């Protein structure tokens, strides 16, 4: 019975609007949308690099924005689908621009690197952007009252 109680307690904490619970849900949604992106990467490989990249980015972003609205931030009643797509989409576009600039800057300073080096730069920038995106969405999707707990 203690294990069942502990499991319920963990589930209740993960469903809460505490910052740590929202961050855990944010990471899970990010993982799911990345998996969708990867699957679409394989499925759309024959359509050309740029069109496939745009389609993958749009599909995974729309999914992530909606899941963040409904699950991560429990904002389904407060934030419309259109607002979530506009706000989340703007953050995604900003992230793509910043990632491109980081790769360009890295190549300008260090010279063209290997795919592994580029991947490390992308992973670092993506992680930083993810943290900023979490904070921005937490602020954008916040309930009007009461204030969200930070812990």
Protein backbone atom coordinates (compact mmCIF):
# COMPACT_ATOMS: atom_id res chain seq x y z
CA UNK A 1 0.00 0.00 0.00
CA UNK A 2 2.88 2.38 0.68
CA UNK A 3 4.08 2.05 -2.93
CA UNK A 4 0.57 2.84 -4.21
CA UNK A 5 0.34 5.88 -1.94
CA UNK A 6 3.80 7.04 -3.05
CA UNK A 7 2.83 6.59 -6.72
CA UNK A 8 -0.37 8.60 -6.23
CA UNK A 9 1.58 11.28 -4.41
CA UNK A 10 4.09 11.49 -7.29
CA UNK A 11 1.29 11.64 -9.88
CA UNK A 12 -0.48 14.36 -7.88
CA UNK A 13 2.75 16.39 -7.71
CA UNK A 14 3.35 15.97 -11.46
CA UNK A 15 -0.20 17.19 -12.19
CA UNK A 16 0.23 20.31 -10.07
CA UNK A 17 1.02 23.80 -11.32
CA UNK A 18 4.27 23.93 -9.37
CA UNK A 19 7.21 25.04 -11.50
CA UNK A 20 9.04 21.74 -11.07
CA UNK A 21 5.97 19.76 -12.22
CA UNK A 22 5.48 22.04 -15.20
CA UNK A 23 9.14 21.68 -16.12
CA UNK A 24 8.89 17.88 -15.96
CA UNK A 25 5.85 17.98 -18.27
CA UNK A 26 7.66 20.47 -20.52
CA UNK A 27 10.57 18.03 -20.93
CA UNK A 28 8.20 15.11 -21.70
CA UNK A 29 6.32 17.17 -24.31
CA UNK A 30 9.65 18.24 -25.81
CA UNK A 31 10.70 14.61 -26.05
CA UNK A 32 7.42 13.64 -27.73
CA UNK A 33 7.60 16.47 -30.25
CA UNK A 34 11.23 15.58 -30.98
CA UNK A 35 10.16 11.99 -31.61
CA UNK A 36 7.48 13.23 -34.04
CA UNK A 37 10.14 15.37 -35.75
CA UNK A 38 12.44 12.34 -36.06
CA UNK A 39 9.67 10.14 -37.47
CA UNK A 40 8.78 12.82 -40.00
CA UNK A 41 12.47 13.16 -40.83
CA UNK A 42 12.41 9.54 -41.96
CA UNK A 43 9.00 9.70 -43.62
CA UNK A 44 9.64 12.90 -45.60
CA UNK A 45 13.25 12.23 -46.61
CA UNK A 46 12.34 11.94 -50.30
CA UNK A 47 10.73 15.39 -50.54
CA UNK A 48 13.96 17.40 -50.36
CA UNK A 49 15.82 18.76 -47.38
CA UNK A 50 14.24 22.22 -47.03
CA UNK A 51 10.57 21.34 -47.68
CA UNK A 52 10.87 18.36 -45.34
CA UNK A 53 12.54 20.50 -42.65
CA UNK A 54 9.74 23.07 -42.84
CA UNK A 55 7.02 20.39 -42.68
CA UNK A 56 8.74 18.62 -39.75
CA UNK A 57 9.22 21.87 -37.87
CA UNK A 58 5.63 22.99 -38.36
CA UNK A 59 4.10 19.63 -37.41
CA UNK A 60 6.23 19.09 -34.30
CA UNK A 61 5.82 22.73 -33.21
CA UNK A 62 2.03 22.72 -33.56
CA UNK A 63 1.89 19.50 -31.55
CA UNK A 64 4.24 20.82 -28.85
CA UNK A 65 2.41 24.16 -28.57
CA UNK A 66 -0.94 22.43 -28.11
CA UNK A 67 0.41 19.92 -25.58
CA UNK A 68 2.10 22.73 -23.65
CA UNK A 69 -1.15 24.69 -23.64
CA UNK A 70 -3.28 21.79 -22.42
CA UNK A 71 -0.90 19.59 -20.40
CA UNK A 72 2.22 21.45 -19.40
CA UNK A 73 0.60 24.70 -18.32
CA UNK A 74 -3.07 23.68 -17.90
CA UNK A 75 -4.00 26.73 -19.99
CA UNK A 76 -6.66 25.14 -22.20
CA UNK A 77 -9.41 27.27 -20.69
CA UNK A 78 -7.38 30.49 -20.57
CA UNK A 79 -5.40 30.47 -23.82
CA UNK A 80 -6.91 29.86 -27.25
CA UNK A 81 -5.39 27.45 -29.75
CA UNK A 82 -4.56 30.40 -32.03
CA UNK A 83 -2.82 32.33 -29.25
CA UNK A 84 -0.80 29.26 -28.23
CA UNK A 85 0.30 28.70 -31.83
CA UNK A 86 1.24 32.36 -32.30
CA UNK A 87 3.14 32.65 -29.02
CA UNK A 88 4.78 29.22 -29.20
CA UNK A 89 5.43 29.56 -32.93
CA UNK A 90 7.19 32.90 -32.47
CA UNK A 91 9.42 31.29 -29.85
CA UNK A 92 10.18 28.38 -32.20
CA UNK A 93 11.09 30.73 -35.06
CA UNK A 94 13.32 32.76 -32.73
CA UNK A 95 14.98 29.52 -31.62
CA UNK A 96 15.61 28.43 -35.19
CA UNK A 97 17.15 31.81 -36.03
CA UNK A 98 19.34 31.73 -32.93
CA UNK A 99 20.47 28.18 -33.67
CA UNK A 100 21.38 29.15 -37.23
CA UNK A 101 23.29 32.20 -35.98
CA UNK A 102 25.11 30.09 -33.39
CA UNK A 103 26.21 27.60 -36.05
CA UNK A 104 27.31 30.43 -38.35
CA UNK A 105 29.20 32.11 -35.50
CA UNK A 106 30.85 28.87 -34.42
CA UNK A 107 32.01 28.16 -37.97
CA UNK A 108 33.30 31.75 -38.30
CA UNK A 109 35.35 31.45 -35.11
CA UNK A 110 36.43 27.81 -35.13
CA UNK A 111 36.18 27.01 -38.83
CA UNK A 112 33.92 24.39 -40.31
CA UNK A 113 33.60 21.53 -37.88
CA UNK A 114 32.47 17.98 -38.01
CA UNK A 115 28.84 16.95 -37.84
CA UNK A 116 29.47 15.96 -34.22
CA UNK A 117 30.76 19.44 -33.37
CA UNK A 118 27.78 21.04 -35.09
CA UNK A 119 25.48 18.70 -33.19
CA UNK A 120 27.12 19.74 -29.89
CA UNK A 121 26.58 23.42 -30.75
CA UNK A 122 22.97 22.73 -31.71
CA UNK A 123 22.36 20.72 -28.52
CA UNK A 124 23.84 23.48 -26.34
CA UNK A 125 21.86 26.24 -28.02
CA UNK A 126 18.69 24.13 -28.04
CA UNK A 127 19.00 23.46 -24.31
CA UNK A 128 19.46 27.18 -23.58
CA UNK A 129 16.55 28.09 -25.85
CA UNK A 130 14.44 25.39 -24.19
CA UNK A 131 15.00 26.96 -20.78
CA UNK A 132 14.11 30.41 -22.11
CA UNK A 133 11.07 28.95 -23.92
CA UNK A 134 9.89 27.27 -20.72
CA UNK A 135 10.15 30.54 -18.80
CA UNK A 136 8.43 32.49 -21.59
CA UNK A 137 5.57 30.01 -21.95
CA UNK A 138 5.20 29.79 -18.18
CA UNK A 139 4.83 33.56 -18.14
CA UNK A 140 2.57 33.72 -21.23
CA UNK A 141 0.32 30.85 -20.13
CA UNK A 142 0.15 31.89 -16.47
CA UNK A 143 -3.23 31.98 -14.79
CA UNK A 144 -4.50 35.41 -13.84
CA UNK A 145 -4.73 34.42 -10.15
CA UNK A 146 -3.34 33.01 -7.96
CA UNK A 147 0.32 33.26 -8.86
CA UNK A 148 2.11 30.02 -9.76
CA UNK A 149 4.46 28.51 -7.21
CA UNK A 150 8.10 28.57 -8.27
CA UNK A 151 8.99 25.27 -6.64
